[in-house]
């Protein structure tokens, strides 16, 4: 029996607990919910687009997060995209729980009424996506919600501001240079 070849000596084994640092989808977003008249916001970086039309977003909201119960109960939320200039606020929101903190008040975030969901928009963010839960089949096993964006808002301006991308363990990267290459995609 022949064993598979070992990797090149130029490669070093990566601990499995660090894989997410390579594949973080970014940007870091804020997920707003409202349940029983109480608005909450959490920081989230584990999300990805899974369809263009209608726009579907998959995201992980841990069952330990205060927002998990609100999302399950109301089946709606807002995904707000903050500029990198809000990095300290984004980290602060992520480092406390809505169980005992009014994060909108504590971090000076302004809630605005959404049009199609009860969860609030966040005025300081340059984009807000009103979402409804489209699929919960993977929630029990993986805490993975599939959301359909039902209304989208952006702050007027020429260019979207730079966004924040989580690299793990308190490390973030801000968007870099934009490359425009020819694409055959519509």
Protein backbone atom coordinates (compact mmCIF):
# COMPACT_ATOMS: atom_id res chain seq x y z
CA UNK A 1 0.00 0.00 0.00
CA UNK A 2 1.34 3.42 -0.99
CA UNK A 3 0.81 6.33 1.36
CA UNK A 4 -0.15 9.72 -0.08
CA UNK A 5 2.75 12.09 -0.63
CA UNK A 6 3.46 14.50 2.24
CA UNK A 7 3.00 18.22 1.58
CA UNK A 8 5.97 20.20 0.41
CA UNK A 9 8.39 21.26 3.15
CA UNK A 10 7.52 24.84 2.15
CA UNK A 11 4.05 24.35 3.65
CA UNK A 12 3.31 24.37 7.35
CA UNK A 13 0.25 22.75 8.92
CA UNK A 14 -2.48 25.22 9.89
CA UNK A 15 -4.45 24.50 13.08
CA UNK A 16 -8.08 23.78 12.15
CA UNK A 17 -9.25 26.42 14.63
CA UNK A 18 -7.65 29.08 12.41
CA UNK A 19 -9.29 28.09 9.10
CA UNK A 20 -12.10 30.64 9.55
CA UNK A 21 -9.51 33.43 9.56
CA UNK A 22 -8.73 32.62 5.93
CA UNK A 23 -12.29 32.33 4.72
CA UNK A 24 -14.16 35.06 6.59
CA UNK A 25 -16.64 36.39 4.04
CA UNK A 26 -16.81 39.93 5.42
CA UNK A 27 -17.74 42.68 5.67
CA UNK A 28 -18.63 42.78 9.32
CA UNK A 29 -22.28 43.77 9.62
CA UNK A 30 -24.75 44.65 12.34
CA UNK A 31 -27.87 42.50 12.65
CA UNK A 32 -30.85 44.34 14.16
CA UNK A 33 -33.92 42.61 15.55
CA UNK A 34 -37.02 43.70 17.43
CA UNK A 35 -38.98 41.37 19.67
CA UNK A 36 -41.72 42.26 22.13
CA UNK A 37 -41.03 45.96 21.61
CA UNK A 38 -37.32 45.65 22.37
CA UNK A 39 -34.83 46.49 19.62
CA UNK A 40 -31.42 44.82 19.71
CA UNK A 41 -28.32 44.80 17.55
CA UNK A 42 -25.45 42.32 17.30
CA UNK A 43 -22.20 42.21 15.37
CA UNK A 44 -21.99 39.46 12.76
CA UNK A 45 -19.32 38.35 10.33
CA UNK A 46 -20.44 34.83 9.46
CA UNK A 47 -22.68 35.44 6.46
CA UNK A 48 -22.68 35.01 2.70
CA UNK A 49 -24.77 35.70 -0.38
CA UNK A 50 -26.31 32.52 -1.75
CA UNK A 51 -28.58 33.86 -4.51
CA UNK A 52 -28.97 37.04 -6.56
CA UNK A 53 -32.69 37.10 -7.38
CA UNK A 54 -34.33 37.17 -4.99
CA UNK A 55 -31.32 38.18 -2.89
CA UNK A 56 -30.75 35.43 -0.31
CA UNK A 57 -28.23 35.68 2.51
CA UNK A 58 -27.15 32.79 4.74
CA UNK A 59 -25.96 33.76 8.20
CA UNK A 60 -25.02 32.10 11.46
CA UNK A 61 -26.60 33.46 14.62
CA UNK A 62 -25.49 31.35 17.55
CA UNK A 63 -28.19 29.95 19.80
CA UNK A 64 -26.28 31.60 22.67
CA UNK A 65 -26.82 35.05 21.16
CA UNK A 66 -29.72 37.12 22.50
CA UNK A 67 -30.69 37.89 18.87
CA UNK A 68 -31.19 34.20 18.06
CA UNK A 69 -34.47 33.94 19.98
CA UNK A 70 -35.78 37.19 18.44
CA UNK A 71 -34.90 36.04 14.92
CA UNK A 72 -36.58 32.68 15.46
CA UNK A 73 -39.70 34.27 16.96
CA UNK A 74 -40.21 37.18 14.54
CA UNK A 75 -38.56 35.66 11.43
CA UNK A 76 -37.28 39.09 10.39
CA UNK A 77 -34.29 41.37 10.87
CA UNK A 78 -32.19 44.12 9.33
CA UNK A 79 -28.63 43.60 8.15
CA UNK A 80 -26.87 46.95 8.38
CA UNK A 81 -23.46 47.53 6.76
CA UNK A 82 -21.33 49.92 8.82
CA UNK A 83 -18.38 51.91 7.48
CA UNK A 84 -14.93 51.05 8.84
CA UNK A 85 -15.01 54.36 10.73
CA UNK A 86 -17.47 52.69 13.13
CA UNK A 87 -14.97 49.94 14.04
CA UNK A 88 -14.93 50.75 17.76
CA UNK A 89 -18.74 50.76 17.89
CA UNK A 90 -18.94 47.48 15.94
CA UNK A 91 -16.51 45.79 18.33
CA UNK A 92 -18.27 47.27 21.38
CA UNK A 93 -21.65 45.98 20.16
CA UNK A 94 -20.10 42.55 19.66
CA UNK A 95 -18.55 42.48 23.12
CA UNK A 96 -21.76 42.79 25.15
CA UNK A 97 -25.17 41.16 25.28
CA UNK A 98 -28.57 42.62 24.53
CA UNK A 99 -29.87 40.64 27.51
CA UNK A 100 -28.56 43.35 29.82
CA UNK A 101 -27.57 46.26 27.56
CA UNK A 102 -29.58 48.62 25.36
CA UNK A 103 -26.94 48.65 22.65
CA UNK A 104 -28.59 51.41 20.62
CA UNK A 105 -28.34 53.76 23.62
CA UNK A 106 -24.98 52.48 24.87
CA UNK A 107 -23.24 52.95 21.51
CA UNK A 108 -25.10 56.01 20.20
CA UNK A 109 -26.79 54.19 17.32
CA UNK A 110 -29.88 55.75 15.78
CA UNK A 111 -32.77 53.43 14.99
CA UNK A 112 -34.99 54.33 12.06
CA UNK A 113 -38.27 52.65 11.15
CA UNK A 114 -38.02 50.05 8.40
CA UNK A 115 -40.69 49.77 5.74
CA UNK A 116 -41.28 46.00 5.54
CA UNK A 117 -40.05 44.59 8.89
CA UNK A 118 -40.36 45.59 12.55
CA UNK A 119 -36.60 45.52 13.16
CA UNK A 120 -35.00 48.96 12.95
CA UNK A 121 -32.68 50.36 10.31
CA UNK A 122 -29.43 51.85 11.65
CA UNK A 123 -28.89 55.44 10.50
CA UNK A 124 -25.09 55.39 10.95
CA UNK A 125 -24.71 52.48 8.49
CA UNK A 126 -24.33 53.18 4.78
CA UNK A 127 -26.60 50.29 3.76
CA UNK A 128 -29.54 48.55 5.45
CA UNK A 129 -31.20 45.37 4.21
CA UNK A 130 -34.66 44.49 5.48
CA UNK A 131 -34.84 40.68 5.66
CA UNK A 132 -37.32 37.92 6.32
CA UNK A 133 -36.35 34.38 7.22
CA UNK A 134 -36.79 32.22 4.11
CA UNK A 135 -35.50 28.88 5.41
CA UNK A 136 -34.80 27.47 8.87
CA UNK A 137 -33.94 23.86 8.00
CA UNK A 138 -30.32 24.30 9.14
CA UNK A 139 -31.00 26.39 12.25
CA UNK A 140 -31.33 23.52 14.71
CA UNK A 141 -28.15 21.79 13.51
CA UNK A 142 -25.90 24.74 12.50
CA UNK A 143 -27.66 27.96 13.68
CA UNK A 144 -27.77 28.89 9.98
CA UNK A 145 -30.64 31.09 8.82
CA UNK A 146 -31.42 31.79 5.17
CA UNK A 147 -32.75 35.33 4.83
CA UNK A 148 -34.49 36.96 1.88
CA UNK A 149 -33.76 40.65 1.42
CA UNK A 150 -37.19 42.26 0.89
CA UNK A 151 -36.13 45.93 0.86
CA UNK A 152 -32.70 47.56 0.59
CA UNK A 153 -31.53 51.06 1.47
CA UNK A 154 -28.27 52.90 0.97
CA UNK A 155 -27.00 56.28 1.99
CA UNK A 156 -26.66 58.56 -1.05
CA UNK A 157 -23.12 59.25 -2.11
CA UNK A 158 -20.58 58.66 -4.83
CA UNK A 159 -18.70 55.67 -3.42
CA UNK A 160 -19.57 53.30 -0.61
CA UNK A 161 -17.22 53.83 2.33
CA UNK A 162 -14.57 51.29 3.26
CA UNK A 163 -15.81 48.27 5.20
CA UNK A 164 -14.40 46.29 8.08
CA UNK A 165 -13.47 42.59 7.68
CA UNK A 166 -12.93 40.29 10.66
CA UNK A 167 -9.76 38.17 10.63
CA UNK A 168 -10.29 36.57 14.03
CA UNK A 169 -9.10 37.14 17.58
CA UNK A 170 -9.62 40.92 17.57
CA UNK A 171 -7.94 41.48 14.20
CA UNK A 172 -9.66 43.35 11.38
CA UNK A 173 -8.77 44.47 7.87
CA UNK A 174 -10.20 47.52 6.11
CA UNK A 175 -11.05 47.26 2.40
CA UNK A 176 -8.12 47.95 0.12
CA UNK A 177 -7.67 48.91 -3.50
CA UNK A 178 -10.58 48.26 -5.86
CA UNK A 179 -9.78 46.33 -9.04
CA UNK A 180 -12.13 46.44 -12.00
CA UNK A 181 -11.68 43.52 -14.38
CA UNK A 182 -13.81 42.48 -17.35
CA UNK A 183 -16.63 40.11 -16.42
CA UNK A 184 -19.13 38.14 -18.45
CA UNK A 185 -21.57 38.03 -15.56
CA UNK A 186 -24.61 40.32 -15.82
